[in-house]
Amino acid sequence: MGATGGRKSTGSGRSVRRRALAWGLPVLALAAAVVWSVVHQRPLQGPVSVQVIMSAGGASAVTPTPGSAPVFPATTTTTPAPALAATPAPTDQTSPPPDPTSSAPGTEVPAGIDESDPFLTVAGGSYVLVTSGDPTGGVAGAPVDVPLSTSLDFVHWTTPVDALPELPAWAQPGYTWAPDLHRFGSTYALYFTALVANQSPPTECIGSAFSSSPTGPFVASPTPFICQMALGGSIDPRVFVDRDGTPWILFKSDENIGGSTTPTIIWSQRLSADGTRLLGSPTPLLSPDRGWQGSIVEAPDMVTVGGNYWLVYSANWYNSPDYAIGAARCAGPAGPCGDIAPAPLLASNYQGAGPGEASLYQDADGIWMLYSPRRSLAPAPDVPARPVYITRLGFSPLGVYLAQGPLPGAFDLLDRGLWAPSP
């Protein structure tokens, strides 16, 4: 499976030619980076209105100075960030060279889905991409609860279908967000956020649905899976599988309901082996503790790299140019987690103001981050649309950084099987 914690593909479907490129190009890039850093290494000098923050691995994040106006393309300037002297070995796919274009790092995923909260995995020999629902509806005009598209080459994608065509009675149609897809044995679980029907003030909770196929249709459980009513509700589910095989679910309590400035909390809790039940009690992972976060942290995802647990999350109001993506180091899946830099990993940049709602995808070739490149302009539908973007990440003992490198590649059809059932 794809992304964090058990959502990994084996990478066996990659072609020999792509393997050669994937190994050869980083070697040349790393050699150039070493020479550059030795000759030119010096402190960065950023403009007055912009902080150029060196995160681990040498990548820079262009971020408004706390308290200043957001940085937009017309006024943004950046200083190229030198690579660290301790350049990672080319055999380490989790530590590729830093991205020299960190002010515009993302590449659009041409899946025909212009919605937020993208999540990518691999199932049935294909890439599977799901996003938040489309309240405007498809051809028939009815809302699409969970748009789902598949691809064999990461270039050509199927027309999105609704993986959750029927919502449970507790969920109000037209308001379905932040899906997560995970395999438990022979069953696939779809966790989603939905607006609770007939609830005042408007409250969101997390539901669960299950199917024998990764593309659905998924059948929802009759009651909410996670619903912290005393904390304003629960949103943004994300499954993480620890190194010992224990599944966890990460989520956010929605204390900012109704525009409240009460600080929100990111939580984690153990899952049963089949993903149908919560075990034990939830533990807090992270709350806002940086100026750029405002009073909100949300949209968590977790990955383990080199024995370290890393949390990627979004912060601040989703409809604000201050919305941004941060990274934190965690003691484990039950936390606690702490920020490793004073500024976001990715903030307002040439590709849009207020990027956020990130998730992680991991395979044998590396780790990527999918996200919405600009803030929401709710009420829905968002105008303009919010396409899915992807960028590669690098990891070092010091932290997370924006990295350069190829996108996920095509599957080998012969390895997949000519008569395999459709994913």
Protein backbone atom coordinates (compact mmCIF):
# COMPACT_ATOMS: atom_id res chain seq x y z
CA MET A 1 0.00 0.00 0.00
CA GLY A 2 1.08 3.62 -0.47
CA ALA A 3 1.82 6.35 2.06
CA THR A 4 2.70 6.40 5.63
CA GLY A 5 2.54 3.51 7.98
CA GLY A 6 1.81 0.45 5.91
CA ARG A 7 0.75 2.25 2.73
CA LYS A 8 3.96 1.28 0.93
CA SER A 9 4.32 -0.30 -2.47
CA THR A 10 7.15 -2.72 -3.06
CA GLY A 11 8.46 -0.77 -6.03
CA SER A 12 8.76 -4.03 -7.96
CA GLY A 13 6.62 -2.64 -10.75
CA ARG A 14 9.20 -0.03 -11.74
CA SER A 15 11.00 -0.55 -15.05
CA VAL A 16 14.74 -1.18 -15.34
CA ARG A 17 15.18 2.05 -17.27
CA ARG A 18 13.49 4.12 -14.57
CA ARG A 19 15.64 2.45 -11.92
CA ALA A 20 18.77 3.45 -13.81
CA LEU A 21 17.59 7.04 -14.08
CA ALA A 22 16.47 7.14 -10.46
CA TRP A 23 19.94 6.08 -9.31
CA GLY A 24 22.08 7.85 -11.88
CA LEU A 25 20.58 11.35 -11.80
CA PRO A 26 20.76 11.75 -7.99
CA VAL A 27 24.45 10.75 -8.07
CA LEU A 28 25.23 13.57 -10.53
CA ALA A 29 23.08 16.06 -8.62
CA LEU A 30 24.64 15.12 -5.29
CA ALA A 31 28.16 15.51 -6.65
CA ALA A 32 27.33 18.99 -7.95
CA ALA A 33 25.73 19.90 -4.61
CA VAL A 34 28.85 18.90 -2.68
CA VAL A 35 31.10 21.05 -4.88
CA TRP A 36 28.69 24.00 -4.63
CA SER A 37 28.42 23.79 -0.85
CA VAL A 38 32.18 23.60 -0.32
CA VAL A 39 32.91 26.56 -2.59
CA HIS A 40 29.95 28.80 -1.80
CA GLN A 41 28.66 27.86 1.66
CA ARG A 42 27.74 31.01 3.60
CA PRO A 43 24.86 32.33 5.75
CA LEU A 44 21.69 33.13 3.86
CA GLN A 45 20.72 36.76 3.34
CA GLY A 46 16.95 37.07 2.84
CA PRO A 47 14.92 40.21 2.14
CA VAL A 48 13.50 42.15 5.05
CA SER A 49 9.89 41.02 4.56
CA VAL A 50 10.71 37.35 4.01
CA GLN A 51 12.35 34.66 6.11
CA VAL A 52 14.34 32.06 4.21
CA ILE A 53 14.43 29.26 6.74
CA MET A 54 16.93 26.46 6.43
CA SER A 55 15.20 23.24 7.34
CA ALA A 56 17.11 20.01 7.70
CA GLY A 57 18.81 18.96 4.50
CA GLY A 58 19.28 22.55 3.36
CA ALA A 59 15.88 23.24 1.80
CA SER A 60 14.33 26.67 2.20
CA ALA A 61 10.76 27.66 2.94
CA VAL A 62 9.55 31.09 1.87
CA THR A 63 7.39 32.36 4.69
CA PRO A 64 5.94 35.70 5.73
CA THR A 65 7.66 37.18 8.75
CA PRO A 66 5.33 36.71 11.77
CA GLY A 67 2.96 39.65 11.91
CA SER A 68 3.73 40.85 8.38
CA ALA A 69 1.55 40.70 5.27
CA PRO A 70 1.52 37.40 3.34
CA VAL A 71 4.16 37.09 0.65
CA PHE A 72 2.79 36.91 -2.88
CA PRO A 73 4.56 36.22 -6.18
CA ALA A 74 4.90 39.87 -7.19
CA THR A 75 6.91 40.73 -4.08
CA THR A 76 8.55 37.43 -3.16
CA THR A 77 12.30 37.05 -3.56
CA THR A 78 14.36 34.10 -2.44
CA THR A 79 18.01 33.33 -1.96
CA PRO A 80 19.12 29.93 -3.26
CA ALA A 81 19.78 27.62 -0.32
CA PRO A 82 23.14 25.79 -0.35
CA ALA A 83 23.22 22.07 0.21
CA LEU A 84 24.51 20.83 3.52
CA ALA A 85 28.15 19.82 3.53
CA ALA A 86 27.15 16.40 4.81
CA THR A 87 25.46 15.32 1.57
CA PRO A 88 23.38 12.13 1.98
CA ALA A 89 24.53 9.00 0.22
CA PRO A 90 22.85 8.39 -3.15
CA THR A 91 21.59 5.01 -1.95
CA ASP A 92 19.34 6.70 0.63
CA GLN A 93 16.07 7.38 -1.18
CA THR A 94 14.72 9.32 1.82
CA SER A 95 17.46 12.00 1.60
CA PRO A 96 17.54 13.31 -1.99
CA PRO A 97 19.11 16.71 -2.79
CA PRO A 98 17.18 19.82 -1.70
CA ASP A 99 14.81 21.43 -4.19
CA PRO A 100 16.45 24.54 -5.69
CA THR A 101 12.99 25.87 -6.63
CA SER A 102 11.44 25.68 -3.17
CA SER A 103 9.36 28.82 -3.84
CA ALA A 104 7.46 26.81 -6.48
CA PRO A 105 8.02 23.14 -5.62
CA GLY A 106 4.80 21.43 -6.61
CA THR A 107 3.71 19.60 -9.76
CA GLU A 108 0.02 19.27 -10.59
CA VAL A 109 -1.39 15.75 -10.62
CA PRO A 110 -3.48 15.58 -13.83
CA ALA A 111 -6.25 13.48 -12.32
CA GLY A 112 -9.13 15.78 -13.17
CA ILE A 113 -9.93 16.19 -9.47
CA ASP A 114 -10.01 19.79 -8.30
CA GLU A 115 -10.72 19.26 -4.63
CA SER A 116 -8.81 19.53 -1.38
CA ASP A 117 -7.37 16.96 1.06
CA PRO A 118 -5.76 14.65 -1.51
CA PHE A 119 -4.68 11.17 -0.46
CA LEU A 120 -2.70 8.74 -2.63
CA THR A 121 -2.13 5.04 -2.20
CA VAL A 122 -1.43 1.94 -4.31
CA ALA A 123 -3.94 -0.89 -4.56
CA GLY A 124 -4.68 -3.55 -7.15
CA GLY A 125 -1.58 -2.62 -9.13
CA SER A 126 -2.67 1.00 -9.65
CA TYR A 127 -2.34 4.39 -8.06
CA VAL A 128 -5.54 5.35 -6.26
CA LEU A 129 -6.27 9.01 -5.52
CA VAL A 130 -9.14 10.24 -3.34
CA THR A 131 -10.04 13.77 -2.30
CA SER A 132 -12.70 15.72 -0.47
CA GLY A 133 -16.21 15.58 -1.92
CA ASP A 134 -17.49 17.60 -4.84
CA PRO A 135 -20.73 19.32 -3.77
CA THR A 136 -21.39 20.55 -7.32
CA GLY A 137 -21.89 16.99 -8.47
CA GLY A 138 -20.82 15.05 -11.50
CA VAL A 139 -22.64 14.54 -14.80
CA ALA A 140 -25.89 13.70 -13.02
CA GLY A 141 -25.60 16.79 -10.82
CA ALA A 142 -25.69 14.92 -7.51
CA PRO A 143 -22.91 15.57 -4.97
CA VAL A 144 -19.90 13.25 -5.21
CA ASP A 145 -19.04 12.23 -1.66
CA VAL A 146 -15.55 10.78 -2.25
CA PRO A 147 -14.08 11.36 -5.75
CA LEU A 148 -11.73 8.49 -6.67
CA SER A 149 -9.47 8.15 -9.70
CA THR A 150 -6.84 5.56 -10.67
CA SER A 151 -3.73 5.55 -12.86
CA LEU A 152 -1.03 3.15 -14.04
CA ASP A 153 1.52 5.79 -15.02
CA PHE A 154 0.73 8.85 -12.86
CA VAL A 155 -0.09 10.74 -16.07
CA HIS A 156 -3.31 9.24 -17.42
CA TRP A 157 -6.11 8.99 -14.86
CA THR A 158 -9.57 7.47 -14.99
CA THR A 159 -12.65 9.66 -14.76
CA PRO A 160 -13.41 10.18 -11.04
CA VAL A 161 -16.14 8.00 -9.54
CA ASP A 162 -17.88 8.22 -6.19
CA ALA A 163 -16.31 5.67 -3.85
CA LEU A 164 -18.97 6.37 -1.19
CA PRO A 165 -22.23 6.71 -3.15
CA GLU A 166 -24.47 6.45 -0.07
CA LEU A 167 -23.81 8.32 3.16
CA PRO A 168 -24.92 7.04 6.58
CA ALA A 169 -28.05 8.62 8.08
CA TRP A 170 -26.03 10.72 10.53
CA ALA A 171 -24.13 12.54 7.75
CA GLN A 172 -25.53 15.50 5.81
CA PRO A 173 -25.09 15.09 2.04
CA GLY A 174 -22.82 17.50 0.18
CA TYR A 175 -20.29 17.95 3.00
CA THR A 176 -17.75 15.13 2.90
CA TRP A 177 -14.05 15.85 3.40
CA ALA A 178 -10.57 14.43 4.00
CA PRO A 179 -10.87 10.73 3.06
CA ASP A 180 -8.27 8.12 3.99
CA LEU A 181 -8.02 4.70 2.34
CA HIS A 182 -6.25 1.78 3.99
CA ARG A 183 -6.10 -1.99 3.54
CA PHE A 184 -6.70 -4.32 6.47
CA GLY A 185 -6.15 -7.89 5.28
CA SER A 186 -8.63 -8.55 2.48
CA THR A 187 -10.81 -5.55 3.38
CA TYR A 188 -10.36 -1.87 2.56
CA ALA A 189 -11.37 0.83 5.02
CA LEU A 190 -12.38 4.34 4.01
CA TYR A 191 -12.38 6.93 6.79
CA PHE A 192 -13.99 10.29 6.03
CA THR A 193 -15.19 13.52 7.60
CA ALA A 194 -18.83 14.55 7.30
CA LEU A 195 -21.16 17.22 8.61
CA VAL A 196 -23.52 15.84 11.27
CA ALA A 197 -27.12 16.22 10.15
CA ASN A 198 -29.48 18.39 12.20
CA GLN A 199 -26.74 19.52 14.57
CA SER A 200 -26.39 23.07 15.87
CA PRO A 201 -23.86 24.57 15.78
CA PRO A 202 -22.67 22.79 12.62
CA THR A 203 -20.44 19.94 13.75
CA GLU A 204 -18.26 17.48 11.84
CA CYS A 205 -17.36 13.92 12.82
CA ILE A 206 -15.37 11.03 11.33
CA GLY A 207 -17.10 8.07 9.72
CA SER A 208 -15.90 4.68 8.55
CA ALA A 209 -16.84 2.57 5.53
CA PHE A 210 -15.63 -0.76 4.20
CA SER A 211 -15.35 -2.65 0.89
CA SER A 212 -13.67 -5.69 -0.61
CA SER A 213 -12.40 -3.43 -3.43
CA PRO A 214 -10.08 -0.41 -3.12
CA THR A 215 -12.32 1.53 -5.50
CA GLY A 216 -15.55 0.69 -3.70
CA PRO A 217 -18.37 1.10 -3.49
CA PHE A 218 -17.77 1.49 0.23
CA VAL A 219 -20.58 0.80 2.71
CA ALA A 220 -20.60 3.18 5.67
CA SER A 221 -21.05 2.14 9.27
CA PRO A 222 -24.33 3.43 10.76
CA THR A 223 -22.74 5.54 13.52
CA PRO A 224 -19.77 7.95 13.58
CA PHE A 225 -16.38 6.36 14.17
CA ILE A 226 -14.80 9.31 16.04
CA CYS A 227 -16.89 12.21 17.31
CA GLN A 228 -15.49 14.35 20.16
CA MET A 229 -18.64 16.41 20.66
CA ALA A 230 -17.28 18.05 23.81
CA LEU A 231 -14.36 19.37 21.75
CA GLY A 232 -16.38 20.64 18.79
CA GLY A 233 -16.27 17.42 16.78
CA SER A 234 -13.51 15.47 15.00
CA ILE A 235 -12.07 15.74 11.47
CA ASP A 236 -9.12 14.78 9.23
CA PRO A 237 -8.59 11.02 9.81
CA ARG A 238 -5.30 9.48 8.70
CA VAL A 239 -4.08 5.89 9.29
CA PHE A 240 -0.50 5.23 10.36
CA VAL A 241 1.00 1.76 10.84
CA ASP A 242 3.93 1.54 13.23
CA ARG A 243 7.05 -0.51 12.54
CA ASP A 244 5.69 -3.37 14.67
CA GLY A 245 2.53 -3.51 12.55
CA THR A 246 0.25 -1.75 15.03
CA PRO A 247 -2.31 0.47 13.24
CA TRP A 248 -3.14 3.93 14.57
CA ILE A 249 -5.49 6.66 13.44
CA LEU A 250 -4.55 10.34 13.62
CA PHE A 251 -7.20 13.08 13.70
CA LYS A 252 -8.00 16.60 14.85
CA SER A 253 -10.48 17.81 17.46
CA ASP A 254 -12.43 20.74 16.02
CA GLU A 255 -12.24 23.31 18.82
CA ASN A 256 -12.24 26.15 16.26
CA ILE A 257 -15.87 25.35 15.43
CA GLY A 258 -17.88 28.45 14.58
CA GLY A 259 -14.77 30.63 14.32
CA SER A 260 -13.60 30.01 17.88
CA THR A 261 -9.95 30.77 18.70
CA THR A 262 -9.71 27.90 21.20
CA PRO A 263 -6.51 26.00 20.29
CA THR A 264 -7.12 22.76 18.44
CA ILE A 265 -5.38 19.43 19.11
CA ILE A 266 -4.04 16.66 16.88
CA TRP A 267 -4.65 13.22 18.42
CA SER A 268 -3.78 9.58 17.80
CA GLN A 269 -5.43 6.36 18.94
CA ARG A 270 -4.80 2.68 18.34
CA LEU A 271 -6.95 0.75 15.89
CA SER A 272 -8.01 -2.87 15.96
CA ALA A 273 -6.26 -5.17 13.49
CA ASP A 274 -9.24 -4.95 11.11
CA GLY A 275 -9.66 -1.18 11.43
CA THR A 276 -13.23 -1.42 12.70
CA ARG A 277 -12.66 -0.44 16.35
CA LEU A 278 -10.73 2.07 18.45
CA LEU A 279 -8.54 0.66 21.23
CA GLY A 280 -7.57 2.44 24.42
CA SER A 281 -7.85 6.21 24.72
CA PRO A 282 -6.71 8.98 22.38
CA THR A 283 -3.48 10.81 23.22
CA PRO A 284 -2.62 14.37 22.16
CA LEU A 285 0.21 14.77 19.65
CA LEU A 286 0.43 18.49 18.95
CA SER A 287 -1.20 21.84 19.72
CA PRO A 288 -0.36 25.29 18.31
CA ASP A 289 2.86 26.69 19.79
CA ARG A 290 4.21 28.86 16.95
CA GLY A 291 3.02 32.28 15.86
CA TRP A 292 2.46 31.22 12.24
CA GLN A 293 0.05 28.48 13.34
CA GLY A 294 -2.50 30.83 14.88
CA SER A 295 -4.80 28.71 17.04
CA ILE A 296 -5.19 25.78 14.62
CA VAL A 297 -3.27 22.62 13.76
CA GLU A 298 -5.00 20.00 11.59
CA ALA A 299 -4.69 17.53 8.66
CA PRO A 300 -2.02 15.28 10.22
CA ASP A 301 -0.04 12.48 8.59
CA MET A 302 2.92 10.50 9.95
CA VAL A 303 5.90 8.58 8.58
CA THR A 304 8.92 6.82 10.07
CA VAL A 305 12.33 7.46 8.55
CA GLY A 306 15.62 6.24 9.96
CA GLY A 307 14.11 5.48 13.35
CA ASN A 308 12.47 8.91 13.62
CA TYR A 309 8.74 9.65 13.64
CA TRP A 310 7.76 12.69 11.58
CA LEU A 311 4.41 14.45 11.60
CA VAL A 312 3.29 16.65 8.70
CA TYR A 313 0.31 18.90 9.39
CA SER A 314 -1.45 22.11 8.33
CA ALA A 315 -1.99 25.16 10.51
CA ASN A 316 -3.96 28.42 10.73
CA TRP A 317 -7.31 29.07 9.02
CA TYR A 318 -7.83 27.07 5.82
CA ASN A 319 -9.33 30.11 4.03
CA SER A 320 -6.46 32.44 4.96
CA PRO A 321 -3.21 33.21 3.09
CA ASP A 322 -1.51 32.33 6.40
CA TYR A 323 -2.52 28.69 5.96
CA ALA A 324 0.66 26.60 5.68
CA ILE A 325 2.19 23.14 6.10
CA GLY A 326 4.48 22.31 9.03
CA ALA A 327 6.57 19.36 10.19
CA ALA A 328 7.27 18.03 13.67
CA ARG A 329 9.30 15.23 15.22
CA CYS A 330 7.42 12.78 17.46
CA ALA A 331 8.51 10.42 20.21
CA GLY A 332 6.25 7.77 18.70
CA PRO A 333 2.74 7.25 17.31
CA ALA A 334 1.30 8.29 20.68
CA GLY A 335 3.44 11.44 20.77
CA PRO A 336 4.28 13.89 21.98
CA CYS A 337 5.39 15.83 18.90
CA GLY A 338 7.41 19.03 18.69
CA ASP A 339 8.16 21.45 15.85
CA ILE A 340 11.71 21.34 14.54
CA ALA A 341 11.74 24.77 12.86
CA PRO A 342 10.26 28.19 13.70
CA ALA A 343 8.66 28.49 10.25
CA PRO A 344 6.48 26.27 8.03
CA LEU A 345 7.79 23.62 5.67
CA LEU A 346 5.68 25.14 2.88
CA ALA A 347 3.80 28.47 2.98
CA SER A 348 2.47 31.06 0.51
CA ASN A 349 4.61 30.92 -2.63
CA TYR A 350 4.60 31.45 -6.38
CA GLN A 351 2.11 28.62 -6.84
CA GLY A 352 -0.53 29.95 -4.46
CA ALA A 353 -1.34 31.65 -1.16
CA GLY A 354 -2.09 29.36 1.75
CA PRO A 355 -1.15 25.80 0.67
CA GLY A 356 -2.28 23.04 3.00
CA GLU A 357 -4.12 19.78 3.70
CA ALA A 358 -1.09 17.61 3.01
CA SER A 359 -0.76 13.84 3.05
CA LEU A 360 2.23 11.57 2.50
CA TYR A 361 2.84 8.86 -0.08
CA GLN A 362 5.78 6.46 0.26
CA ASP A 363 7.19 3.70 -1.90
CA ALA A 364 10.59 2.10 -2.44
CA ASP A 365 11.75 5.13 -4.44
CA GLY A 366 11.02 7.85 -1.91
CA ILE A 367 8.45 9.93 -0.04
CA TRP A 368 6.15 12.53 -1.58
CA MET A 369 3.73 15.07 -0.18
CA LEU A 370 0.37 15.74 -1.81
CA TYR A 371 -1.46 18.95 -0.97
CA SER A 372 -3.75 21.73 -2.12
CA PRO A 373 -1.54 24.52 -3.53
CA ARG A 374 -3.71 27.39 -2.33
CA ARG A 375 -6.18 28.28 0.39
CA SER A 376 -9.87 27.59 0.23
CA LEU A 377 -12.28 30.32 -0.79
CA ALA A 378 -15.24 28.68 0.94
CA PRO A 379 -18.23 28.55 0.88
CA ALA A 380 -18.01 25.60 -1.47
CA PRO A 381 -17.43 25.16 -4.27
CA ASP A 382 -14.01 26.76 -4.09
CA VAL A 383 -13.38 29.41 -6.71
CA PRO A 384 -10.97 28.99 -8.32
CA ALA A 385 -10.73 25.21 -8.11
CA ARG A 386 -7.98 23.70 -5.97
CA PRO A 387 -6.02 21.11 -7.96
CA VAL A 388 -3.94 18.35 -6.41
CA TYR A 389 -0.20 19.07 -6.23
CA ILE A 390 2.69 16.78 -5.33
CA THR A 391 6.28 17.44 -4.28
CA ARG A 392 9.07 15.20 -3.05
CA LEU A 393 10.27 15.35 0.55
CA GLY A 394 13.66 14.64 2.06
CA PHE A 395 14.49 13.66 5.62
CA SER A 396 17.64 14.02 7.68
CA PRO A 397 18.28 13.67 11.42
CA LEU A 398 17.64 17.42 11.62
CA GLY A 399 14.25 17.51 9.97
CA VAL A 400 12.09 17.51 6.86
CA TYR A 401 12.85 19.50 3.70
CA LEU A 402 11.52 20.06 0.18
CA ALA A 403 13.54 17.87 -2.17
CA GLN A 404 14.15 17.44 -5.87
CA GLY A 405 13.57 14.28 -7.80
CA PRO A 406 11.18 12.52 -10.19
CA LEU A 407 7.51 11.92 -9.62
CA PRO A 408 6.22 8.42 -8.85
CA GLY A 409 6.68 6.36 -12.01
CA ALA A 410 4.69 3.99 -14.17
CA PHE A 411 3.89 0.43 -13.23
CA ASP A 412 5.22 -2.39 -15.37
CA LEU A 413 2.16 -3.94 -17.01
CA LEU A 414 3.87 -7.30 -17.38
CA ASP A 415 4.63 -7.42 -13.68
CA ARG A 416 1.05 -6.40 -12.96
CA GLY A 417 -0.42 -9.27 -14.93
CA LEU A 418 -2.25 -8.97 -18.24
CA TRP A 419 -5.42 -10.61 -16.96
CA ALA A 420 -5.48 -9.03 -13.52
CA PRO A 421 -8.91 -7.67 -12.56
CA SER A 422 -9.37 -3.94 -12.81
CA PRO A 423 -8.34 -2.11 -9.63
